[in-house]
């Protein structure tokens, strides 16, 4: 997906339009099937929104769009036909780690200093995905200096996707930091105001990108309450796609205030896709801590046999319970309640 985005590296700076291509209009592998016949109705090939481009930018975006389409098709293909739990965040990371061995960590910071910012970001994020603690520290110390110097391209897209799919929350955080730098979004009110305005755009592609980016910037502490309020408001949008990306944004924020609207969405949204993404957000995706995820277990137990919910949503509740607790119990509410009651004295 292509949008025109602006850099706000310095307070009071005049916005400068730059191209951004984000492949995560399917940001993580979906839950996928939970057994034969369990796919939600309406699921199918990934649809990629294509905004109207002005003649100046159209040629520049063309090659990157082709890369994005290829990446999305690869992810979709890897998920097709899976008969068991396929909503694991680790799938993309595992695929990524099968490529060539990550580069050795530079012997000292002077080696990094000799690289251009783009190469610094790429090398360090690849090391971070390989769970190199030194790379995580280097990203945190350097990311502010990358503002306006790191560009969004297919390599950064691949690396940030792998980082956001990591089972290490620190790696996910590094992915967010690099992605914001590549978007040219500083952690300030100017960036936030720009995204809030974009989230109301009549251009659908720009709107859903802004919902995603609001989650990124909200996670970094930029008026988080305002971000959550905006994203929660978009859970009432008439189109499924906007509601789905509001869910993704709330999961990225990862604050406790986002849990209740995600639970409500999992229960009430009319779209199976949106309900599924809310379930995945509560169970695995996004930036919630283990403690936050455990806090939703009582509500998921209620959802597992709620007569107002369909069989697929019951199945997602069981899947979320399993992913959060790491227990492998049958899809039986009584069995899960017995297990949960047995833990209360621990």
Protein backbone atom coordinates (compact mmCIF):
# COMPACT_ATOMS: atom_id res chain seq x y z
CA UNK A 1 0.00 0.00 0.00
CA UNK A 2 1.26 3.46 -0.83
CA UNK A 3 0.63 6.70 0.96
CA UNK A 4 2.17 10.12 1.00
CA UNK A 5 3.62 10.75 4.44
CA UNK A 6 5.44 13.61 6.11
CA UNK A 7 8.58 14.00 8.17
CA UNK A 8 8.52 15.87 11.46
CA UNK A 9 12.11 15.48 12.56
CA UNK A 10 12.40 18.96 14.01
CA UNK A 11 9.87 21.00 16.02
CA UNK A 12 8.19 23.54 13.79
CA UNK A 13 9.60 22.04 10.61
CA UNK A 14 7.49 22.37 7.50
CA UNK A 15 6.06 19.00 6.45
CA UNK A 16 7.85 17.41 3.54
CA UNK A 17 5.93 14.81 1.59
CA UNK A 18 7.79 11.52 1.25
CA UNK A 19 6.68 8.15 -0.07
CA UNK A 20 5.98 5.35 2.38
CA UNK A 21 5.13 1.80 1.38
CA UNK A 22 3.94 -0.44 4.18
CA UNK A 23 3.48 -4.16 3.52
CA UNK A 24 1.63 -4.69 6.75
CA UNK A 25 -1.83 -4.20 5.50
CA UNK A 26 -1.55 -7.81 6.60
CA UNK A 27 0.88 -7.13 9.46
CA UNK A 28 1.04 -10.58 10.98
CA UNK A 29 0.05 -14.06 9.95
CA UNK A 30 -3.61 -14.52 10.79
CA UNK A 31 -4.82 -17.15 13.20
CA UNK A 32 -5.77 -19.18 10.15
CA UNK A 33 -7.78 -22.37 10.52
CA UNK A 34 -8.43 -24.05 13.82
CA UNK A 35 -9.55 -27.31 12.26
CA UNK A 36 -11.48 -28.58 9.26
CA UNK A 37 -14.33 -26.31 8.29
CA UNK A 38 -13.45 -23.61 10.78
CA UNK A 39 -12.49 -20.77 8.42
CA UNK A 40 -14.61 -17.67 8.84
CA UNK A 41 -16.91 -16.89 5.99
CA UNK A 42 -15.58 -14.42 3.53
CA UNK A 43 -11.90 -15.10 4.05
CA UNK A 44 -9.95 -15.27 0.85
CA UNK A 45 -7.08 -13.74 -1.08
CA UNK A 46 -5.52 -10.66 0.43
CA UNK A 47 -6.84 -7.45 -1.08
CA UNK A 48 -4.31 -4.66 -1.35
CA UNK A 49 -5.75 -1.13 -1.27
CA UNK A 50 -4.35 1.01 -4.08
CA UNK A 51 -4.58 4.75 -3.46
CA UNK A 52 -4.75 7.21 -6.30
CA UNK A 53 -1.23 8.49 -6.89
CA UNK A 54 -0.34 11.82 -8.38
CA UNK A 55 1.80 11.67 -11.55
CA UNK A 56 4.93 12.85 -9.73
CA UNK A 57 4.89 10.00 -7.22
CA UNK A 58 3.37 7.19 -9.29
CA UNK A 59 6.60 6.10 -10.98
CA UNK A 60 8.51 6.14 -7.67
CA UNK A 61 5.97 3.90 -5.94
CA UNK A 62 5.62 1.31 -8.68
CA UNK A 63 8.61 -0.91 -7.93
CA UNK A 64 8.00 -0.91 -4.18
CA UNK A 65 4.37 -1.85 -4.66
CA UNK A 66 5.49 -4.93 -6.59
CA UNK A 67 7.70 -5.94 -3.66
CA UNK A 68 4.79 -5.42 -1.26
CA UNK A 69 2.46 -7.59 -3.35
CA UNK A 70 5.06 -10.36 -3.45
CA UNK A 71 5.59 -10.26 0.31
CA UNK A 72 1.86 -10.39 0.99
CA UNK A 73 1.37 -13.31 -1.36
CA UNK A 74 4.23 -15.18 0.31
CA UNK A 75 2.66 -14.73 3.74
CA UNK A 76 -0.76 -15.70 2.44
CA UNK A 77 0.65 -18.82 0.80
CA UNK A 78 2.47 -19.85 3.96
CA UNK A 79 -0.83 -19.73 5.84
CA UNK A 80 -2.95 -21.56 3.28
CA UNK A 81 -4.22 -24.99 4.22
CA UNK A 82 -2.90 -25.05 7.77
CA UNK A 83 -5.07 -27.44 9.74
CA UNK A 84 -3.92 -26.45 13.20
CA UNK A 85 -3.18 -23.21 15.00
CA UNK A 86 -1.69 -20.80 12.48
CA UNK A 87 -2.05 -17.48 14.23
CA UNK A 88 1.38 -17.76 15.85
CA UNK A 89 3.53 -14.65 15.67
CA UNK A 90 6.65 -16.79 15.42
CA UNK A 91 5.88 -18.16 11.95
CA UNK A 92 7.17 -15.19 10.00
CA UNK A 93 10.16 -14.86 12.32
CA UNK A 94 11.05 -18.51 11.78
CA UNK A 95 10.81 -18.09 8.02
CA UNK A 96 12.99 -15.03 8.24
CA UNK A 97 15.62 -16.76 10.41
CA UNK A 98 16.04 -19.47 7.78
CA UNK A 99 17.79 -17.01 5.50
CA UNK A 100 21.56 -16.42 5.68
CA UNK A 101 23.13 -16.20 9.12
CA UNK A 102 22.86 -12.73 10.66
CA UNK A 103 25.99 -10.58 10.34
CA UNK A 104 28.50 -10.56 13.16
CA UNK A 105 28.06 -7.73 15.64
CA UNK A 106 30.49 -4.86 14.94
CA UNK A 107 33.56 -5.01 17.16
CA UNK A 108 33.05 -1.43 18.33
CA UNK A 109 30.77 1.51 17.66
CA UNK A 110 33.27 3.00 15.20
CA UNK A 111 32.35 0.30 12.70
CA UNK A 112 28.72 1.33 12.99
CA UNK A 113 29.60 4.99 12.79
CA UNK A 114 31.29 4.30 9.46
CA UNK A 115 28.02 2.99 7.99
CA UNK A 116 25.29 5.14 6.56
CA UNK A 117 22.19 5.37 8.80
CA UNK A 118 20.20 3.13 6.44
CA UNK A 119 22.78 0.35 6.74
CA UNK A 120 23.08 0.88 10.49
CA UNK A 121 19.32 0.38 10.88
CA UNK A 122 19.30 -2.70 8.64
CA UNK A 123 22.29 -4.38 10.28
CA UNK A 124 21.18 -3.69 13.84
CA UNK A 125 17.59 -4.72 13.30
CA UNK A 126 18.65 -7.99 11.66
CA UNK A 127 20.87 -8.66 14.67
CA UNK A 128 18.04 -7.72 17.03
CA UNK A 129 15.75 -10.25 15.34
CA UNK A 130 18.50 -12.80 16.04
CA UNK A 131 18.23 -11.85 19.73
CA UNK A 132 21.45 -9.87 20.02
CA UNK A 133 21.11 -7.71 23.15
CA UNK A 134 23.86 -5.36 22.05
CA UNK A 135 21.93 -4.57 18.87
CA UNK A 136 18.82 -3.72 20.89
CA UNK A 137 20.80 -1.23 22.97
CA UNK A 138 22.39 0.29 19.87
CA UNK A 139 19.02 0.80 18.19
CA UNK A 140 17.66 2.62 21.24
CA UNK A 141 20.70 4.89 21.43
CA UNK A 142 20.85 5.68 17.70
CA UNK A 143 17.24 5.77 16.52
CA UNK A 144 16.71 9.49 17.17
CA UNK A 145 19.71 10.26 14.95
CA UNK A 146 18.13 8.25 12.12
CA UNK A 147 15.21 10.63 11.76
CA UNK A 148 15.13 11.92 8.20
CA UNK A 149 18.03 9.64 7.20
CA UNK A 150 16.45 6.18 7.11
CA UNK A 151 14.06 5.50 4.25
CA UNK A 152 11.25 2.98 4.04
CA UNK A 153 12.11 0.29 1.51
CA UNK A 154 11.58 -3.43 0.99
CA UNK A 155 14.51 -4.40 3.25
CA UNK A 156 13.35 -2.28 6.17
CA UNK A 157 9.83 -3.59 5.58
CA UNK A 158 11.01 -7.21 5.83
CA UNK A 159 13.09 -6.54 8.94
CA UNK A 160 10.44 -4.60 10.84
CA UNK A 161 7.87 -7.27 10.03
CA UNK A 162 10.20 -9.93 11.41
CA UNK A 163 10.84 -7.80 14.51
CA UNK A 164 7.15 -7.23 15.17
CA UNK A 165 6.61 -10.99 14.89
CA UNK A 166 9.34 -11.80 17.42
CA UNK A 167 8.52 -13.62 20.65
CA UNK A 168 10.80 -11.13 22.45
CA UNK A 169 8.98 -7.93 23.40
CA UNK A 170 12.22 -5.94 23.29
CA UNK A 171 12.69 -6.92 19.66
CA UNK A 172 9.13 -5.87 18.86
CA UNK A 173 9.85 -2.53 20.52
CA UNK A 174 12.95 -2.09 18.36
CA UNK A 175 10.84 -2.81 15.29
CA UNK A 176 8.48 -0.02 16.30
CA UNK A 177 11.36 2.39 16.84
CA UNK A 178 12.89 1.68 13.43
CA UNK A 179 9.55 1.79 11.66
CA UNK A 180 8.72 5.22 13.06
CA UNK A 181 12.15 6.50 12.02
CA UNK A 182 11.67 5.11 8.51
CA UNK A 183 8.25 6.75 8.30
CA UNK A 184 9.83 10.05 9.34
CA UNK A 185 7.55 10.25 12.39
CA UNK A 186 9.20 11.85 15.39
CA UNK A 187 7.74 11.29 18.84
CA UNK A 188 6.01 14.66 19.08
CA UNK A 189 2.62 16.33 18.81
CA UNK A 190 3.21 17.39 15.18
CA UNK A 191 3.47 13.75 14.09
CA UNK A 192 0.42 12.85 16.15
CA UNK A 193 -1.68 15.68 14.72
CA UNK A 194 -0.70 14.62 11.22
CA UNK A 195 -1.75 11.02 11.86
CA UNK A 196 -5.01 12.06 13.51
CA UNK A 197 -5.85 14.13 10.46
CA UNK A 198 -4.85 11.29 8.12
CA UNK A 199 -7.05 8.83 10.05
CA UNK A 200 -10.08 10.83 8.89
CA UNK A 201 -8.93 10.87 5.26
CA UNK A 202 -11.37 10.00 2.50
CA UNK A 203 -8.48 8.06 0.92
CA UNK A 204 -8.99 4.62 2.41
CA UNK A 205 -5.38 3.52 1.97
CA UNK A 206 -4.08 6.56 3.79
CA UNK A 207 -6.67 6.13 6.54
CA UNK A 208 -5.84 2.55 7.43
CA UNK A 209 -2.11 3.27 7.31
CA UNK A 210 -2.70 6.09 9.79
CA UNK A 211 -4.62 3.77 12.13
CA UNK A 212 -1.62 1.43 12.13
CA UNK A 213 0.87 4.27 12.62
CA UNK A 214 -1.18 5.73 15.47
CA UNK A 215 -0.63 2.46 17.30
CA UNK A 216 3.11 2.76 16.76
CA UNK A 217 3.36 6.31 18.06
CA UNK A 218 0.93 5.65 20.92
CA UNK A 219 3.16 2.81 22.06
CA UNK A 220 6.06 5.27 22.32
CA UNK A 221 4.13 7.44 24.78
CA UNK A 222 2.94 10.29 22.53
CA UNK A 223 -0.41 11.31 24.04
CA UNK A 224 -1.35 7.67 24.43
CA UNK A 225 -4.78 8.40 25.91
CA UNK A 226 -5.67 10.52 22.88
CA UNK A 227 -4.46 7.79 20.53
CA UNK A 228 -6.53 5.15 22.33
CA UNK A 229 -9.62 7.36 22.24
CA UNK A 230 -9.23 7.90 18.49
CA UNK A 231 -8.63 4.24 17.67
CA UNK A 232 -11.52 3.13 19.88
CA UNK A 233 -13.76 5.57 18.03
CA UNK A 234 -12.85 3.91 14.74
CA UNK A 235 -14.09 0.57 16.06
CA UNK A 236 -17.52 1.99 15.19
CA UNK A 237 -16.66 2.71 11.55
CA UNK A 238 -19.03 1.25 9.00
CA UNK A 239 -16.39 -0.61 6.96
CA UNK A 240 -14.74 -3.78 8.23
CA UNK A 241 -11.29 -2.78 7.05
CA UNK A 242 -11.14 0.39 9.15
CA UNK A 243 -12.35 -1.47 12.24
CA UNK A 244 -9.76 -4.18 11.67
CA UNK A 245 -6.93 -1.64 11.48
CA UNK A 246 -8.21 0.16 14.56
CA UNK A 247 -7.87 -3.22 16.31
CA UNK A 248 -4.30 -3.59 15.05
CA UNK A 249 -3.47 -0.09 16.25
CA UNK A 250 -4.89 -0.72 19.73
CA UNK A 251 -2.84 -3.91 20.00
CA UNK A 252 0.31 -1.96 19.13
CA UNK A 253 -0.39 0.64 21.81
CA UNK A 254 -0.49 -2.19 24.33
CA UNK A 255 -1.85 -0.18 27.27
CA UNK A 256 -4.29 -1.70 29.74
CA UNK A 257 -6.96 0.75 28.52
CA UNK A 258 -7.06 -1.01 25.16
CA UNK A 259 -8.00 -4.42 26.54
CA UNK A 260 -11.68 -3.73 27.18
CA UNK A 261 -12.43 -2.37 23.68
CA UNK A 262 -10.63 -5.36 22.16
CA UNK A 263 -12.68 -7.78 24.26
CA UNK A 264 -15.87 -5.99 23.26
CA UNK A 265 -14.85 -6.13 19.61
CA UNK A 266 -14.12 -9.84 19.82
CA UNK A 267 -17.61 -10.35 21.22
CA UNK A 268 -19.71 -7.88 19.25
CA UNK A 269 -18.17 -7.01 15.89
CA UNK A 270 -20.25 -8.30 12.97
CA UNK A 271 -17.17 -9.19 10.90
CA UNK A 272 -15.47 -12.57 11.52
CA UNK A 273 -12.18 -11.08 10.37
CA UNK A 274 -12.35 -8.23 12.87
CA UNK A 275 -13.36 -10.56 15.70
CA UNK A 276 -10.48 -12.86 14.81
CA UNK A 277 -7.96 -10.01 14.83
CA UNK A 278 -9.22 -8.86 18.23
CA UNK A 279 -8.77 -12.39 19.57
CA UNK A 280 -5.26 -12.62 18.13
CA UNK A 281 -4.39 -9.21 19.58
CA UNK A 282 -5.40 -10.31 23.05
CA UNK A 283 -3.59 -13.63 22.75
CA UNK A 284 -0.33 -13.00 20.92
CA UNK A 285 0.06 -9.98 18.66
CA UNK A 286 0.80 -6.40 19.61
CA UNK A 287 2.58 -5.12 22.67
CA UNK A 288 0.75 -6.55 25.68
CA UNK A 289 2.72 -8.01 28.57
CA UNK A 290 2.10 -11.54 29.77
CA UNK A 291 0.36 -10.16 32.85
CA UNK A 292 -2.00 -8.10 30.70
CA UNK A 293 -2.83 -11.13 28.57
CA UNK A 294 -3.48 -13.28 31.64
CA UNK A 295 -5.94 -10.66 32.88
CA UNK A 296 -8.32 -11.48 30.00
CA UNK A 297 -8.53 -15.19 30.81
CA UNK A 298 -11.75 -14.90 32.92
CA UNK A 299 -13.54 -13.09 30.10
CA UNK A 300 -12.31 -15.57 27.50
CA UNK A 301 -13.69 -18.38 29.66
CA UNK A 302 -17.09 -16.69 29.48
CA UNK A 303 -16.79 -16.31 25.72
CA UNK A 304 -15.91 -19.99 25.27
CA UNK A 305 -19.52 -21.05 25.84
CA UNK A 306 -21.44 -17.79 25.47
CA UNK A 307 -24.65 -18.82 23.64
CA UNK A 308 -24.78 -15.47 21.83
CA UNK A 309 -21.48 -16.23 20.06
CA UNK A 310 -21.00 -18.53 17.07
CA UNK A 311 -18.89 -21.68 17.06
CA UNK A 312 -15.98 -19.95 15.34
CA UNK A 313 -15.72 -17.27 18.03
CA UNK A 314 -15.91 -20.00 20.69
CA UNK A 315 -12.97 -21.67 18.93
CA UNK A 316 -11.00 -18.41 18.90
CA UNK A 317 -11.62 -18.03 22.63
CA UNK A 318 -10.19 -21.50 23.24
CA UNK A 319 -7.25 -20.76 20.95
CA UNK A 320 -6.53 -17.53 22.83
CA UNK A 321 -6.74 -19.32 26.17
CA UNK A 322 -4.24 -21.90 24.97
CA UNK A 323 -1.83 -19.31 23.59
CA UNK A 324 -1.95 -17.14 26.71
CA UNK A 325 -1.69 -19.88 29.32
CA UNK A 326 0.40 -22.40 27.32
CA UNK A 327 -2.05 -25.09 28.41
CA UNK A 328 -3.17 -27.70 25.92
CA UNK A 329 -6.70 -28.58 26.95
CA UNK A 330 -9.63 -29.70 24.81
CA UNK A 331 -12.10 -27.13 23.53
CA UNK A 332 -14.33 -27.72 26.51
CA UNK A 333 -15.40 -24.89 28.79
CA UNK A 334 -15.74 -27.13 31.83
CA UNK A 335 -12.19 -28.43 31.43
CA UNK A 336 -10.82 -24.93 31.13
CA UNK A 337 -12.78 -23.66 34.15
CA UNK A 338 -11.60 -26.59 36.25
CA UNK A 339 -8.01 -25.84 35.32
CA UNK A 340 -8.45 -22.12 36.01
CA UNK A 341 -10.04 -22.77 39.42
CA UNK A 342 -7.14 -25.03 40.32
CA UNK A 343 -4.68 -22.18 39.74
CA UNK A 344 -6.31 -19.66 42.05
CA UNK A 345 -4.50 -20.97 45.09
CA UNK A 346 -1.07 -20.74 43.41
